[in-house]
N, C-alpha and C. Protein backbone atom coordinates (compact mmCIF):
# COMPACT_ATOMS: atom_id res chain seq x y z
N MET A 1 0.84 -1.19 0.00
CA MET A 1 0.00 0.00 0.00
C MET A 1 0.88 1.24 0.00
N ARG A 2 0.57 2.16 -0.91
CA ARG A 2 1.45 3.31 -1.13
C ARG A 2 0.72 4.61 -0.80
N PRO A 3 1.47 5.69 -0.54
CA PRO A 3 0.82 6.98 -0.29
C PRO A 3 -0.20 7.32 -1.38
N HIS A 4 -1.34 7.85 -0.93
CA HIS A 4 -2.47 8.26 -1.77
C HIS A 4 -3.45 7.12 -2.03
N ASP A 5 -3.09 5.86 -1.72
CA ASP A 5 -4.08 4.79 -1.82
C ASP A 5 -5.18 5.03 -0.80
N LEU A 6 -6.41 4.70 -1.16
CA LEU A 6 -7.55 4.80 -0.25
C LEU A 6 -7.89 3.42 0.29
N LEU A 7 -8.18 3.36 1.60
CA LEU A 7 -8.45 2.09 2.27
C LEU A 7 -9.82 2.14 2.95
N TRP A 8 -10.57 1.07 2.80
CA TRP A 8 -11.81 0.89 3.56
C TRP A 8 -11.53 -0.11 4.68
N LEU A 9 -12.03 0.17 5.88
CA LEU A 9 -11.63 -0.56 7.07
C LEU A 9 -12.79 -1.35 7.68
N ARG A 10 -12.42 -2.39 8.43
CA ARG A 10 -13.40 -3.17 9.19
C ARG A 10 -13.83 -2.43 10.45
N THR A 11 -12.88 -1.75 11.09
CA THR A 11 -13.15 -1.04 12.33
C THR A 11 -12.48 0.33 12.28
N ALA A 12 -12.75 1.18 13.26
CA ALA A 12 -12.18 2.53 13.29
C ALA A 12 -10.67 2.47 13.48
N PRO A 13 -9.93 3.40 12.86
CA PRO A 13 -8.47 3.43 13.04
C PRO A 13 -8.09 3.91 14.42
N SER A 14 -6.81 3.74 14.75
CA SER A 14 -6.28 4.18 16.04
C SER A 14 -5.71 5.58 15.92
N ALA A 15 -5.90 6.37 16.95
CA ALA A 15 -5.31 7.71 17.01
C ALA A 15 -4.39 7.80 18.21
N ASP A 16 -3.52 6.80 18.34
CA ASP A 16 -2.56 6.76 19.44
C ASP A 16 -3.23 6.85 20.80
N GLY A 17 -4.34 6.13 20.95
CA GLY A 17 -5.02 6.08 22.23
C GLY A 17 -5.93 7.26 22.51
N MET A 18 -5.93 8.27 21.64
CA MET A 18 -6.77 9.45 21.83
C MET A 18 -8.09 9.25 21.11
N PRO A 19 -9.15 9.91 21.59
CA PRO A 19 -10.44 9.81 20.89
C PRO A 19 -10.33 10.38 19.48
N LEU A 20 -11.04 9.77 18.56
CA LEU A 20 -11.08 10.31 17.21
C LEU A 20 -11.92 11.58 17.18
N PRO A 21 -11.63 12.50 16.24
CA PRO A 21 -12.45 13.71 16.15
C PRO A 21 -13.92 13.38 15.91
N THR A 22 -14.79 14.21 16.42
CA THR A 22 -16.23 13.95 16.29
C THR A 22 -16.71 14.02 14.85
N TRP A 23 -15.92 14.67 13.97
CA TRP A 23 -16.34 14.79 12.58
C TRP A 23 -16.03 13.56 11.73
N VAL A 24 -15.31 12.58 12.29
CA VAL A 24 -14.95 11.38 11.52
C VAL A 24 -16.22 10.64 11.10
N GLU A 25 -16.31 10.34 9.81
CA GLU A 25 -17.47 9.65 9.25
C GLU A 25 -17.20 8.15 9.19
N THR A 26 -18.00 7.38 9.90
CA THR A 26 -17.86 5.93 9.87
C THR A 26 -18.15 5.40 8.46
N GLY A 27 -17.28 4.55 7.97
CA GLY A 27 -17.49 3.97 6.65
C GLY A 27 -16.77 4.68 5.54
N TRP A 28 -16.26 5.89 5.81
CA TRP A 28 -15.50 6.60 4.78
C TRP A 28 -14.11 5.98 4.66
N PRO A 29 -13.52 5.99 3.48
CA PRO A 29 -12.15 5.48 3.35
C PRO A 29 -11.14 6.42 3.99
N VAL A 30 -9.98 5.89 4.30
CA VAL A 30 -8.85 6.68 4.80
C VAL A 30 -7.77 6.64 3.72
N VAL A 31 -6.87 7.60 3.76
CA VAL A 31 -5.84 7.69 2.73
C VAL A 31 -4.48 7.39 3.34
N VAL A 32 -3.69 6.58 2.65
CA VAL A 32 -2.34 6.26 3.12
C VAL A 32 -1.47 7.51 3.02
N ARG A 33 -0.76 7.82 4.10
CA ARG A 33 0.12 8.99 4.13
C ARG A 33 1.57 8.54 4.30
N ARG A 34 2.48 9.49 4.03
CA ARG A 34 3.90 9.20 4.20
C ARG A 34 4.29 9.39 5.67
N ALA A 35 4.86 8.36 6.27
CA ALA A 35 5.33 8.45 7.65
C ALA A 35 6.25 7.28 7.92
N GLN A 36 7.09 7.43 8.94
CA GLN A 36 7.95 6.35 9.34
C GLN A 36 7.10 5.18 9.83
N PRO A 37 7.42 3.95 9.44
CA PRO A 37 6.65 2.80 9.91
C PRO A 37 6.64 2.71 11.43
N ALA A 38 5.48 2.40 11.99
CA ALA A 38 5.37 2.19 13.44
C ALA A 38 5.32 0.70 13.74
N GLY A 39 5.69 -0.12 12.77
CA GLY A 39 5.63 -1.57 12.90
C GLY A 39 5.22 -2.15 11.57
N SER A 40 5.59 -3.38 11.33
CA SER A 40 5.35 -3.98 10.02
C SER A 40 3.87 -4.16 9.71
N GLU A 41 3.03 -4.18 10.75
CA GLU A 41 1.60 -4.43 10.53
C GLU A 41 0.75 -3.16 10.62
N LEU A 42 1.38 -2.00 10.82
CA LEU A 42 0.64 -0.75 10.95
C LEU A 42 0.86 0.14 9.73
N ILE A 43 -0.20 0.74 9.25
CA ILE A 43 -0.16 1.60 8.07
C ILE A 43 -0.51 3.03 8.50
N PRO A 44 0.32 4.01 8.17
CA PRO A 44 -0.03 5.40 8.50
C PRO A 44 -1.10 5.92 7.53
N VAL A 45 -2.15 6.50 8.07
CA VAL A 45 -3.25 6.98 7.24
C VAL A 45 -3.68 8.37 7.70
N GLY A 46 -4.44 9.02 6.86
CA GLY A 46 -5.05 10.30 7.20
C GLY A 46 -6.56 10.17 7.11
N LEU A 47 -7.25 10.76 8.07
CA LEU A 47 -8.72 10.81 8.05
C LEU A 47 -9.14 12.17 7.52
N ARG A 48 -10.23 12.20 6.82
CA ARG A 48 -10.73 13.47 6.32
C ARG A 48 -12.22 13.57 6.60
N GLY A 49 -12.66 14.81 6.83
CA GLY A 49 -14.08 15.08 7.05
C GLY A 49 -14.68 15.83 5.87
N ARG A 50 -15.82 16.42 6.11
CA ARG A 50 -16.50 17.12 5.02
C ARG A 50 -15.91 18.49 4.72
N LEU A 51 -15.18 19.06 5.68
CA LEU A 51 -14.58 20.38 5.51
C LEU A 51 -13.09 20.26 5.25
N ARG A 52 -12.51 21.25 4.58
CA ARG A 52 -11.12 21.19 4.17
C ARG A 52 -10.16 21.06 5.35
N HIS A 53 -10.48 21.73 6.47
CA HIS A 53 -9.57 21.71 7.61
C HIS A 53 -9.71 20.43 8.44
N GLN A 54 -10.66 19.60 8.13
CA GLN A 54 -10.88 18.38 8.92
C GLN A 54 -9.99 17.26 8.40
N ARG A 55 -8.78 17.23 8.94
CA ARG A 55 -7.79 16.21 8.59
C ARG A 55 -7.15 15.72 9.89
N HIS A 56 -6.87 14.43 9.97
CA HIS A 56 -6.33 13.89 11.23
C HIS A 56 -5.49 12.65 10.93
N PRO A 57 -4.26 12.56 11.49
CA PRO A 57 -3.42 11.38 11.27
C PRO A 57 -3.84 10.22 12.17
N ALA A 58 -3.65 9.01 11.70
CA ALA A 58 -3.97 7.82 12.48
C ALA A 58 -3.19 6.64 11.92
N TRP A 59 -3.40 5.47 12.52
CA TRP A 59 -2.75 4.24 12.09
C TRP A 59 -3.80 3.15 11.97
N VAL A 60 -3.60 2.25 11.02
CA VAL A 60 -4.49 1.09 10.91
C VAL A 60 -3.66 -0.18 10.78
N ALA A 61 -4.16 -1.25 11.34
CA ALA A 61 -3.52 -2.55 11.18
C ALA A 61 -3.88 -3.11 9.81
N ARG A 62 -2.96 -3.81 9.20
CA ARG A 62 -3.23 -4.39 7.88
C ARG A 62 -4.45 -5.29 7.90
N ALA A 63 -4.66 -5.96 9.02
CA ALA A 63 -5.81 -6.87 9.13
C ALA A 63 -7.14 -6.13 9.11
N GLN A 64 -7.11 -4.80 9.35
CA GLN A 64 -8.33 -4.02 9.34
C GLN A 64 -8.81 -3.67 7.93
N VAL A 65 -7.92 -3.80 6.96
CA VAL A 65 -8.22 -3.31 5.61
C VAL A 65 -9.13 -4.28 4.87
N LEU A 66 -10.28 -3.79 4.45
CA LEU A 66 -11.22 -4.59 3.66
C LEU A 66 -10.90 -4.52 2.18
N ARG A 67 -10.63 -3.33 1.68
CA ARG A 67 -10.28 -3.17 0.26
C ARG A 67 -9.50 -1.89 0.07
N THR A 68 -8.85 -1.80 -1.07
CA THR A 68 -8.03 -0.65 -1.38
C THR A 68 -8.38 -0.11 -2.76
N CYS A 69 -8.04 1.14 -2.98
CA CYS A 69 -8.22 1.75 -4.30
C CYS A 69 -7.07 2.73 -4.54
N SER A 70 -6.32 2.51 -5.60
CA SER A 70 -5.19 3.37 -5.92
C SER A 70 -5.63 4.49 -6.87
N PRO A 71 -4.85 5.57 -6.96
CA PRO A 71 -5.16 6.61 -7.95
C PRO A 71 -5.21 6.05 -9.38
N GLU A 72 -4.31 5.10 -9.68
CA GLU A 72 -4.32 4.50 -11.01
C GLU A 72 -5.62 3.76 -11.29
N ALA A 73 -6.16 3.08 -10.26
CA ALA A 73 -7.44 2.38 -10.43
C ALA A 73 -8.57 3.36 -10.72
N LEU A 74 -8.53 4.52 -10.08
CA LEU A 74 -9.54 5.54 -10.35
C LEU A 74 -9.43 6.04 -11.78
N ALA A 75 -8.20 6.19 -12.27
CA ALA A 75 -8.02 6.64 -13.66
C ALA A 75 -8.59 5.61 -14.63
N ARG A 76 -8.39 4.33 -14.34
CA ARG A 76 -8.91 3.28 -15.23
C ARG A 76 -10.43 3.21 -15.18
N ALA A 77 -11.02 3.47 -14.01
CA ALA A 77 -12.47 3.32 -13.84
C ALA A 77 -13.27 4.38 -14.60
N ARG A 78 -12.68 5.55 -14.79
CA ARG A 78 -13.35 6.64 -15.52
C ARG A 78 -14.70 7.02 -14.91
N SER A 79 -14.83 6.92 -13.60
CA SER A 79 -16.12 7.17 -12.96
C SER A 79 -16.50 8.65 -12.96
N TRP A 80 -15.55 9.53 -13.34
CA TRP A 80 -15.89 10.95 -13.40
C TRP A 80 -16.87 11.26 -14.53
N THR A 81 -17.03 10.34 -15.46
CA THR A 81 -17.93 10.61 -16.58
C THR A 81 -19.36 10.87 -16.10
N ARG A 82 -19.74 10.25 -14.98
CA ARG A 82 -21.10 10.46 -14.47
C ARG A 82 -21.25 11.80 -13.77
N MET A 83 -20.12 12.52 -13.55
CA MET A 83 -20.16 13.79 -12.83
C MET A 83 -19.93 14.99 -13.73
N VAL A 84 -19.60 14.76 -14.99
CA VAL A 84 -19.27 15.88 -15.89
C VAL A 84 -20.45 16.84 -16.01
N SER A 85 -21.67 16.31 -16.00
CA SER A 85 -22.84 17.17 -16.16
C SER A 85 -23.06 18.09 -14.97
N ASP A 86 -22.33 17.87 -13.87
CA ASP A 86 -22.47 18.75 -12.70
C ASP A 86 -21.85 20.12 -12.94
N GLY A 87 -21.02 20.23 -13.98
CA GLY A 87 -20.44 21.53 -14.32
C GLY A 87 -19.31 21.99 -13.42
N LEU A 88 -18.68 21.06 -12.71
CA LEU A 88 -17.56 21.43 -11.84
C LEU A 88 -16.28 21.53 -12.65
N PRO A 89 -15.56 22.66 -12.57
CA PRO A 89 -14.33 22.82 -13.35
C PRO A 89 -13.30 21.71 -13.10
N CYS A 90 -13.18 21.23 -11.86
CA CYS A 90 -12.19 20.19 -11.58
C CYS A 90 -12.51 18.89 -12.31
N ILE A 91 -13.79 18.56 -12.41
CA ILE A 91 -14.19 17.33 -13.11
C ILE A 91 -14.09 17.51 -14.61
N GLU A 92 -14.49 18.67 -15.11
CA GLU A 92 -14.36 18.94 -16.53
C GLU A 92 -12.90 18.90 -16.96
N THR A 93 -12.01 19.45 -16.13
CA THR A 93 -10.58 19.42 -16.42
C THR A 93 -10.07 17.98 -16.44
N LEU A 94 -10.45 17.19 -15.46
CA LEU A 94 -10.03 15.79 -15.41
C LEU A 94 -10.47 15.04 -16.67
N ALA A 95 -11.69 15.29 -17.12
CA ALA A 95 -12.18 14.62 -18.32
C ALA A 95 -11.38 15.02 -19.56
N ARG A 96 -10.91 16.26 -19.62
CA ARG A 96 -10.11 16.70 -20.76
C ARG A 96 -8.69 16.13 -20.71
N LEU A 97 -8.12 16.07 -19.50
CA LEU A 97 -6.72 15.67 -19.39
C LEU A 97 -6.50 14.17 -19.48
N ALA A 98 -7.48 13.39 -19.04
CA ALA A 98 -7.28 11.94 -18.97
C ALA A 98 -6.83 11.32 -20.29
N PRO A 99 -7.47 11.61 -21.43
CA PRO A 99 -7.00 11.01 -22.69
C PRO A 99 -5.59 11.42 -23.07
N ILE A 100 -5.20 12.65 -22.71
CA ILE A 100 -3.86 13.14 -23.04
C ILE A 100 -2.80 12.37 -22.26
N VAL A 101 -3.02 12.22 -20.96
CA VAL A 101 -2.04 11.53 -20.12
C VAL A 101 -2.00 10.04 -20.46
N ASP A 102 -3.17 9.46 -20.74
CA ASP A 102 -3.21 8.05 -21.12
C ASP A 102 -2.41 7.80 -22.39
N ALA A 103 -2.56 8.70 -23.37
CA ALA A 103 -1.88 8.53 -24.65
C ALA A 103 -0.37 8.56 -24.49
N ALA A 104 0.11 9.23 -23.44
CA ALA A 104 1.56 9.31 -23.18
C ALA A 104 2.08 8.05 -22.50
N GLY A 105 1.17 7.18 -22.07
CA GLY A 105 1.60 5.94 -21.43
C GLY A 105 2.07 6.12 -19.99
N LEU A 106 1.70 7.22 -19.36
CA LEU A 106 2.12 7.46 -17.97
C LEU A 106 1.19 6.74 -17.00
N ARG A 107 1.75 6.37 -15.85
CA ARG A 107 0.96 5.79 -14.77
C ARG A 107 0.51 6.94 -13.88
N TRP A 108 -0.78 7.14 -13.77
CA TRP A 108 -1.27 8.35 -13.13
C TRP A 108 -2.64 8.09 -12.53
N GLY A 109 -3.12 9.07 -11.76
CA GLY A 109 -4.47 9.01 -11.24
C GLY A 109 -4.79 10.24 -10.43
N PRO A 110 -6.08 10.52 -10.21
CA PRO A 110 -6.50 11.66 -9.40
C PRO A 110 -6.36 11.35 -7.91
N THR A 111 -5.97 12.36 -7.14
CA THR A 111 -5.87 12.24 -5.69
C THR A 111 -6.64 13.40 -5.07
N GLY A 112 -6.39 13.69 -3.79
CA GLY A 112 -7.03 14.82 -3.14
C GLY A 112 -8.54 14.68 -3.08
N SER A 113 -9.21 15.82 -3.07
CA SER A 113 -10.67 15.81 -2.91
C SER A 113 -11.38 15.16 -4.09
N VAL A 114 -10.83 15.32 -5.29
CA VAL A 114 -11.46 14.70 -6.47
C VAL A 114 -11.32 13.18 -6.40
N GLY A 115 -10.12 12.70 -6.08
CA GLY A 115 -9.94 11.27 -5.96
C GLY A 115 -10.82 10.67 -4.89
N PHE A 116 -10.93 11.38 -3.75
CA PHE A 116 -11.77 10.89 -2.66
C PHE A 116 -13.24 10.81 -3.09
N ALA A 117 -13.71 11.84 -3.78
CA ALA A 117 -15.10 11.86 -4.23
C ALA A 117 -15.38 10.73 -5.22
N LEU A 118 -14.46 10.50 -6.14
CA LEU A 118 -14.65 9.44 -7.13
C LEU A 118 -14.68 8.06 -6.48
N ALA A 119 -13.82 7.86 -5.47
CA ALA A 119 -13.72 6.55 -4.84
C ALA A 119 -14.87 6.27 -3.89
N SER A 120 -15.27 7.29 -3.15
CA SER A 120 -16.23 7.08 -2.06
C SER A 120 -17.67 7.41 -2.43
N GLY A 121 -17.86 8.25 -3.45
CA GLY A 121 -19.21 8.72 -3.74
C GLY A 121 -19.66 9.84 -2.82
N GLU A 122 -18.77 10.24 -1.89
CA GLU A 122 -19.06 11.33 -0.95
C GLU A 122 -18.34 12.58 -1.43
N SER A 123 -19.07 13.49 -2.01
CA SER A 123 -18.42 14.64 -2.65
C SER A 123 -18.64 15.92 -1.87
N ALA A 124 -17.51 16.62 -1.62
CA ALA A 124 -17.57 17.97 -1.07
C ALA A 124 -16.99 18.94 -2.10
N LEU A 125 -17.03 18.55 -3.37
CA LEU A 125 -16.45 19.36 -4.43
C LEU A 125 -17.31 20.60 -4.68
N HIS A 126 -16.64 21.66 -5.11
CA HIS A 126 -17.34 22.90 -5.43
C HIS A 126 -16.63 23.58 -6.59
N SER A 127 -17.11 24.74 -7.00
CA SER A 127 -16.60 25.38 -8.21
C SER A 127 -15.14 25.79 -8.11
N ALA A 128 -14.62 25.95 -6.88
CA ALA A 128 -13.22 26.36 -6.71
C ALA A 128 -12.31 25.20 -6.32
N SER A 129 -12.80 23.99 -6.39
CA SER A 129 -11.99 22.83 -6.00
C SER A 129 -10.80 22.64 -6.94
N ASP A 130 -9.65 22.29 -6.35
CA ASP A 130 -8.45 21.98 -7.13
C ASP A 130 -8.57 20.59 -7.74
N LEU A 131 -7.71 20.33 -8.72
CA LEU A 131 -7.53 18.98 -9.24
C LEU A 131 -6.10 18.56 -8.94
N ASP A 132 -5.95 17.50 -8.16
CA ASP A 132 -4.63 16.96 -7.81
C ASP A 132 -4.42 15.67 -8.59
N LEU A 133 -3.30 15.59 -9.29
CA LEU A 133 -2.95 14.39 -10.04
C LEU A 133 -1.62 13.83 -9.53
N LEU A 134 -1.53 12.51 -9.50
CA LEU A 134 -0.30 11.83 -9.13
C LEU A 134 0.23 11.09 -10.36
N VAL A 135 1.52 11.26 -10.63
CA VAL A 135 2.19 10.53 -11.72
C VAL A 135 3.29 9.68 -11.10
N ARG A 136 3.25 8.37 -11.36
CA ARG A 136 4.29 7.47 -10.86
C ARG A 136 5.44 7.46 -11.87
N ALA A 137 6.64 7.69 -11.40
CA ALA A 137 7.79 7.72 -12.30
C ALA A 137 9.02 7.27 -11.53
N GLU A 138 9.27 5.96 -11.52
CA GLU A 138 10.42 5.42 -10.79
C GLU A 138 11.75 5.75 -11.47
N ILE A 139 11.69 6.09 -12.75
CA ILE A 139 12.88 6.56 -13.46
C ILE A 139 12.58 7.98 -13.95
N PRO A 140 13.62 8.80 -14.18
CA PRO A 140 13.38 10.19 -14.56
C PRO A 140 12.51 10.31 -15.81
N LEU A 141 11.63 11.29 -15.78
CA LEU A 141 10.80 11.59 -16.95
C LEU A 141 11.67 12.08 -18.08
N ASP A 142 11.34 11.68 -19.31
CA ASP A 142 12.11 12.19 -20.44
C ASP A 142 11.56 13.55 -20.86
N ASP A 143 12.24 14.20 -21.78
CA ASP A 143 11.87 15.57 -22.16
C ASP A 143 10.45 15.65 -22.71
N ASP A 144 10.05 14.65 -23.51
CA ASP A 144 8.70 14.67 -24.07
C ASP A 144 7.64 14.56 -22.98
N GLU A 145 7.90 13.71 -21.99
CA GLU A 145 6.94 13.55 -20.89
C GLU A 145 6.84 14.82 -20.05
N VAL A 146 7.98 15.46 -19.80
CA VAL A 146 7.98 16.72 -19.06
C VAL A 146 7.21 17.79 -19.82
N ASP A 147 7.44 17.88 -21.13
CA ASP A 147 6.73 18.87 -21.94
C ASP A 147 5.23 18.62 -21.93
N LEU A 148 4.83 17.35 -22.01
CA LEU A 148 3.40 17.02 -21.99
C LEU A 148 2.77 17.45 -20.66
N LEU A 149 3.44 17.14 -19.55
CA LEU A 149 2.89 17.51 -18.25
C LEU A 149 2.84 19.03 -18.08
N ARG A 150 3.84 19.71 -18.63
CA ARG A 150 3.84 21.18 -18.57
C ARG A 150 2.64 21.74 -19.33
N GLN A 151 2.31 21.16 -20.45
CA GLN A 151 1.22 21.66 -21.28
C GLN A 151 -0.17 21.38 -20.71
N LEU A 152 -0.26 20.48 -19.73
CA LEU A 152 -1.57 20.17 -19.18
C LEU A 152 -2.24 21.40 -18.57
N LYS A 153 -1.44 22.30 -18.06
CA LYS A 153 -2.01 23.51 -17.44
C LYS A 153 -2.82 24.32 -18.44
N THR A 154 -2.45 24.26 -19.71
CA THR A 154 -3.18 25.04 -20.71
C THR A 154 -4.57 24.48 -20.96
N HIS A 155 -4.81 23.23 -20.54
CA HIS A 155 -6.12 22.61 -20.71
C HIS A 155 -6.96 22.67 -19.44
N ALA A 156 -6.42 23.26 -18.38
CA ALA A 156 -7.09 23.24 -17.08
C ALA A 156 -7.94 24.47 -16.87
N SER A 157 -9.15 24.27 -16.38
CA SER A 157 -10.03 25.39 -16.01
C SER A 157 -10.17 25.50 -14.50
N CYS A 158 -9.23 24.87 -13.77
CA CYS A 158 -9.16 24.98 -12.32
C CYS A 158 -7.68 24.94 -11.92
N ARG A 159 -7.39 25.13 -10.67
CA ARG A 159 -6.02 24.98 -10.20
C ARG A 159 -5.61 23.52 -10.35
N LEU A 160 -4.48 23.28 -10.99
CA LEU A 160 -4.00 21.92 -11.24
C LEU A 160 -2.67 21.71 -10.54
N ASP A 161 -2.62 20.73 -9.65
CA ASP A 161 -1.39 20.38 -8.94
C ASP A 161 -1.00 18.96 -9.32
N ILE A 162 0.21 18.80 -9.83
CA ILE A 162 0.71 17.49 -10.23
C ILE A 162 1.87 17.11 -9.34
N GLN A 163 1.78 15.95 -8.72
CA GLN A 163 2.87 15.43 -7.90
C GLN A 163 3.50 14.24 -8.61
N ILE A 164 4.81 14.21 -8.63
CA ILE A 164 5.55 13.09 -9.20
C ILE A 164 6.02 12.19 -8.06
N ASP A 165 5.69 10.92 -8.13
CA ASP A 165 6.12 9.96 -7.12
C ASP A 165 7.24 9.11 -7.73
N THR A 166 8.43 9.22 -7.16
CA THR A 166 9.60 8.51 -7.70
C THR A 166 9.79 7.12 -7.08
N GLY A 167 8.95 6.78 -6.10
CA GLY A 167 9.17 5.55 -5.35
C GLY A 167 9.98 5.80 -4.09
N ARG A 168 10.78 6.89 -4.11
CA ARG A 168 11.55 7.31 -2.94
C ARG A 168 10.87 8.46 -2.21
N GLY A 169 9.89 9.06 -2.87
CA GLY A 169 9.18 10.20 -2.32
C GLY A 169 8.41 10.91 -3.42
N GLY A 170 7.76 11.99 -3.05
CA GLY A 170 6.98 12.73 -4.03
C GLY A 170 7.36 14.20 -4.03
N PHE A 171 7.30 14.83 -5.21
CA PHE A 171 7.61 16.26 -5.31
C PHE A 171 6.64 16.92 -6.28
N ALA A 172 6.50 18.25 -6.12
CA ALA A 172 5.58 19.02 -6.95
C ALA A 172 6.22 19.30 -8.31
N LEU A 173 5.49 19.00 -9.37
CA LEU A 173 6.00 19.25 -10.72
C LEU A 173 6.33 20.72 -10.92
N ASP A 174 5.51 21.62 -10.37
CA ASP A 174 5.75 23.05 -10.55
C ASP A 174 7.12 23.46 -10.03
N GLU A 175 7.55 22.89 -8.90
CA GLU A 175 8.88 23.20 -8.37
C GLU A 175 9.97 22.75 -9.34
N TRP A 176 9.80 21.59 -9.90
CA TRP A 176 10.78 21.03 -10.84
C TRP A 176 10.86 21.90 -12.10
N LEU A 177 9.70 22.31 -12.60
CA LEU A 177 9.67 23.11 -13.83
C LEU A 177 10.21 24.52 -13.60
N ALA A 178 10.18 24.99 -12.36
CA ALA A 178 10.67 26.33 -12.06
C ALA A 178 12.19 26.42 -12.15
N GLY A 179 12.85 25.27 -12.30
CA GLY A 179 14.30 25.26 -12.45
C GLY A 179 15.07 25.57 -11.18
N ARG A 180 14.46 25.29 -10.04
CA ARG A 180 15.14 25.53 -8.77
C ARG A 180 16.31 24.56 -8.60
N ARG A 181 17.31 25.01 -7.87
CA ARG A 181 18.49 24.17 -7.66
C ARG A 181 18.13 22.92 -6.87
N ARG A 182 17.18 23.04 -5.96
CA ARG A 182 16.71 21.90 -5.19
C ARG A 182 15.19 21.92 -5.12
N VAL A 183 14.59 20.74 -5.02
CA VAL A 183 13.14 20.64 -4.86
C VAL A 183 12.85 19.91 -3.56
N LEU A 184 11.66 20.14 -3.03
CA LEU A 184 11.24 19.50 -1.79
C LEU A 184 10.68 18.12 -2.09
N LEU A 185 11.35 17.10 -1.59
CA LEU A 185 10.92 15.72 -1.77
C LEU A 185 10.27 15.24 -0.48
N LYS A 186 8.99 14.89 -0.53
CA LYS A 186 8.29 14.37 0.64
C LYS A 186 8.58 12.88 0.76
N THR A 187 9.17 12.48 1.88
CA THR A 187 9.52 11.09 2.09
C THR A 187 8.89 10.60 3.39
N ALA A 188 8.98 9.29 3.63
CA ALA A 188 8.43 8.72 4.86
C ALA A 188 9.13 9.25 6.09
N SER A 189 10.38 9.67 5.95
CA SER A 189 11.14 10.19 7.08
C SER A 189 11.06 11.71 7.20
N GLY A 190 10.23 12.33 6.37
CA GLY A 190 10.07 13.77 6.42
C GLY A 190 10.48 14.44 5.12
N PRO A 191 10.23 15.74 4.98
CA PRO A 191 10.59 16.47 3.76
C PRO A 191 12.09 16.66 3.64
N ARG A 192 12.60 16.56 2.40
CA ARG A 192 14.02 16.74 2.12
C ARG A 192 14.19 17.66 0.92
N LEU A 193 15.23 18.49 0.97
CA LEU A 193 15.60 19.30 -0.19
C LEU A 193 16.65 18.54 -0.97
N VAL A 194 16.35 18.23 -2.22
CA VAL A 194 17.26 17.41 -3.01
C VAL A 194 17.52 18.04 -4.37
N ALA A 195 18.69 17.78 -4.90
CA ALA A 195 19.03 18.26 -6.24
C ALA A 195 18.40 17.37 -7.30
N ASP A 196 18.31 16.07 -7.01
CA ASP A 196 17.75 15.10 -7.95
C ASP A 196 16.80 14.19 -7.19
N PRO A 197 15.49 14.35 -7.38
CA PRO A 197 14.53 13.53 -6.61
C PRO A 197 14.59 12.05 -6.93
N TRP A 198 15.23 11.69 -8.03
CA TRP A 198 15.38 10.26 -8.35
C TRP A 198 16.66 9.68 -7.75
N GLN A 199 17.54 10.55 -7.29
CA GLN A 199 18.79 10.12 -6.65
C GLN A 199 18.98 10.94 -5.38
N PRO A 200 18.16 10.68 -4.36
CA PRO A 200 18.17 11.56 -3.19
C PRO A 200 19.26 11.23 -2.16
N GLU A 201 20.25 10.43 -2.56
CA GLU A 201 21.29 10.07 -1.60
C GLU A 201 22.04 11.30 -1.08
N THR A 202 22.05 12.39 -1.87
CA THR A 202 22.75 13.60 -1.46
C THR A 202 21.80 14.62 -0.85
N GLU A 203 20.59 14.17 -0.50
CA GLU A 203 19.58 15.08 0.01
C GLU A 203 20.00 15.72 1.32
N GLU A 204 19.43 16.88 1.59
CA GLU A 204 19.64 17.60 2.84
C GLU A 204 18.30 17.73 3.52
N CYS A 205 18.30 17.71 4.83
CA CYS A 205 17.06 17.95 5.58
C CYS A 205 16.58 19.36 5.29
N SER A 206 15.28 19.50 5.09
CA SER A 206 14.74 20.85 4.87
C SER A 206 14.63 21.55 6.20
N SER A 207 14.65 22.86 6.13
CA SER A 207 14.51 23.64 7.36
C SER A 207 13.04 23.86 7.65
């Protein structure tokens, strides 16, 4: 199970012995987050509520997991087609971008609030909702792939955030395209500033 995967559980997750927030919805999926392992059988997850600020970290035992859904599975399912008529810019943008990214042969999928809505059927989307996309790239993207991802913004009618997951961590495409000397790589051990997110052996701890 990897960061951004959604998990449905048999029982409520653990919050380190503390009561769960009152806004936690029973039956909603939780999302796998990046964190140091707390044991081979525990998975770090994030809980989300109906409001943007309602987020809470927790842990679940592998035995609690009933089923999983990855961003890539959401991309294959194409379930956003039933929501296009709602007129939401984030969904309309996803519908436009999906054939472009598919044609490039990239492994990708929606995450964030759009991914959650598609997977769970519980939507808090609105006209200003962002579209978050995850692209899996265990080896560096070639120039054509970078150019294609750069051009996706021209097809977007909402804020579009693309994260690249290298297998060692994830970083924002916008930072990479800005030509910064180092980019912030989110890893299980915390954020790192690295010159090459695919070769983070020379990474430095971020301040």
